[in-house]
C-alpha atoms as a PDB file:
ATOM      1  CA  MET A   1     -14.737  17.212   8.128  1.00  0.00           C
ATOM      2  CA  SER A   2     -15.605  15.464   4.559  1.00  0.00           C
ATOM      3  CA  GLN A   3     -16.483  11.895   5.108  1.00  0.00           C
ATOM      4  CA  THR A   4     -17.385  11.812   1.544  1.00  0.00           C
ATOM      5  CA  LEU A   5     -15.720   8.333  -0.424  1.00  0.00           C
ATOM      6  CA  ILE A   6     -14.073   9.355  -3.662  1.00  0.00           C
ATOM      7  CA  PRO A   7     -12.776   6.682  -6.158  1.00  0.00           C
ATOM      8  CA  PHE A   8      -9.668   5.906  -7.950  1.00  0.00           C
ATOM      9  CA  GLU A   9     -10.967   8.320 -11.083  1.00  0.00           C
ATOM     10  CA  THR A  10     -11.091  11.421  -8.892  1.00  0.00           C
ATOM     11  CA  LEU A  11      -8.067  11.271  -7.144  1.00  0.00           C
ATOM     12  CA  ARG A  12      -6.384  12.664 -10.359  1.00  0.00           C
ATOM     13  CA  GLU A  13      -8.494  15.590  -9.632  1.00  0.00           C
ATOM     14  CA  LYS A  14      -7.197  15.966  -6.383  1.00  0.00           C
ATOM     15  CA  GLY A  15      -3.548  16.178  -7.306  1.00  0.00           C
ATOM     16  CA  VAL A  16      -2.881  12.314  -7.000  1.00  0.00           C
ATOM     17  CA  THR A  17      -1.329  10.905 -10.059  1.00  0.00           C
ATOM     18  CA  LEU A  18      -0.197   7.474  -8.891  1.00  0.00           C
ATOM     19  CA  CYS A  19      -1.010   4.312 -10.662  1.00  0.00           C
ATOM     20  CA  LYS A  20      -2.915   1.622  -8.788  1.00  0.00           C
ATOM     21  CA  VAL A  21       0.278  -0.241  -7.829  1.00  0.00           C
ATOM     22  CA  GLN A  22       2.305   2.647  -6.520  1.00  0.00           C
ATOM     23  CA  ILE A  23      -0.477   3.844  -4.436  1.00  0.00           C
ATOM     24  CA  TRP A  24      -0.905   0.337  -3.090  1.00  0.00           C
ATOM     25  CA  ARG A  25       2.784  -0.265  -2.529  1.00  0.00           C
ATOM     26  CA  LEU A  26       2.664   3.323  -0.382  1.00  0.00           C
ATOM     27  CA  GLU A  27      -0.595   2.265   1.136  1.00  0.00           C
ATOM     28  CA  LYS A  28       1.163  -1.221   2.571  1.00  0.00           C
ATOM     29  CA  ALA A  29       3.957   1.067   3.522  1.00  0.00           C
ATOM     30  CA  GLY A  30       1.666   3.619   5.829  1.00  0.00           C
ATOM     31  CA  LYS A  31       2.707   6.353   3.783  1.00  0.00           C
ATOM     32  CA  PHE A  32      -0.915   6.673   2.037  1.00  0.00           C
ATOM     33  CA  PRO A  33      -4.224   6.412   3.365  1.00  0.00           C
ATOM     34  CA  ARG A  34      -5.718   2.956   3.651  1.00  0.00           C
ATOM     35  CA  ARG A  35      -8.652   2.339   0.839  1.00  0.00           C
ATOM     36  CA  VAL A  36     -12.462   2.028   2.060  1.00  0.00           C
ATOM     37  CA  LYS A  37     -13.571  -1.486  -0.121  1.00  0.00           C
ATOM     38  CA  VAL A  38     -17.229  -0.617  -1.521  1.00  0.00           C
ATOM     39  CA  SER A  39     -17.849  -3.583  -2.642  1.00  0.00           C
ATOM     40  CA  ALA A  40     -16.057  -7.042  -4.178  1.00  0.00           C
ATOM     41  CA  ALA A  41     -14.819  -5.086  -7.273  1.00  0.00           C
ATOM     42  CA  ARG A  42     -14.700  -1.560  -6.112  1.00  0.00           C
ATOM     43  CA  VAL A  43     -12.295   0.355  -3.820  1.00  0.00           C
ATOM     44  CA  ALA A  44     -12.530   4.099  -2.697  1.00  0.00           C
ATOM     45  CA  TRP A  45     -10.387   6.800   0.160  1.00  0.00           C
ATOM     46  CA  VAL A  46     -12.087   9.388   2.084  1.00  0.00           C
ATOM     47  CA  GLU A  47     -11.842  12.747   0.537  1.00  0.00           C
ATOM     48  CA  SER A  48     -10.526  14.499   3.739  1.00  0.00           C
ATOM     49  CA  GLU A  49      -7.677  11.753   4.025  1.00  0.00           C
ATOM     50  CA  ILE A  50      -6.527  12.312   0.671  1.00  0.00           C
ATOM     51  CA  ASP A  51      -7.143  16.431   1.245  1.00  0.00           C
ATOM     52  CA  ALA A  52      -4.398  15.973   4.300  1.00  0.00           C
ATOM     53  CA  TYR A  53      -1.840  13.400   2.089  1.00  0.00           C
ATOM     54  CA  VAL A  54      -1.913  16.305  -0.882  1.00  0.00           C
ATOM     55  CA  GLU A  55      -1.650  19.002   2.081  1.00  0.00           C
ATOM     56  CA  ARG A  56       1.153  16.683   3.576  1.00  0.00           C
ATOM     57  CA  ARG A  57       3.510  16.317   0.237  1.00  0.00           C
ATOM     58  CA  ILE A  58       3.278  20.200  -0.124  1.00  0.00           C
ATOM     59  CA  ALA A  59       4.705  21.049   3.211  1.00  0.00           C
ATOM     60  CA  GLU A  60       6.932  18.826   2.629  1.00  0.00           C
ATOM     61  CA  ARG A  61       8.674  20.346  -0.113  1.00  0.00           C
ATOM     62  CA  GLU A  62      11.544  21.801   0.290  1.00  0.00           C
ATOM     63  CA  PRO A  63      11.496  25.422  -0.089  1.00  0.00           C
ATOM     64  CA  ALA A  64      12.076  27.629  -3.191  1.00  0.00           C
ATOM     65  CA  PRO A  65      14.783  29.217  -3.304  1.00  0.00           C
ATOM     66  CA  LYS A  66      15.466  33.064  -2.550  1.00  0.00           C
ATOM     67  CA  PRO A  67      15.685  35.116  -6.390  1.00  0.00           C
ATOM     68  CA  ALA A  68      18.731  36.835  -6.120  1.00  0.00           C
ATOM     69  CA  LEU A  69      18.758  40.679  -5.757  1.00  0.00           C
ATOM     70  CA  VAL A  70      19.986  42.162  -9.125  1.00  0.00           C
ATOM     71  CA  GLY A  71      21.802  45.541  -8.411  1.00  0.00           C
ATOM     72  CA  VAL A  72      22.535  45.604  -4.894  1.00  0.00           C
ATOM     73  CA  ALA A  73      25.892  45.670  -3.533  1.00  0.00           C
ATOM     74  CA  ALA A  74      26.505  42.802  -0.479  1.00  0.00           C
END
């Protein structure tokens, strides 16, 4: 499990395209991993927690509709 800290700028590479305000709102609601204060002016997130968040979002999506079979009598 990675304990690497990643900055806001790296979240996009992980598939998180939310703005800073939306991330803050989701954090406050307990729906996004909490940030880690790195310094007075910088925050980051634990990489493994972001990866798990993205995996959960993928798992929560609705399944794709099954394609219709063409030419098959029901």
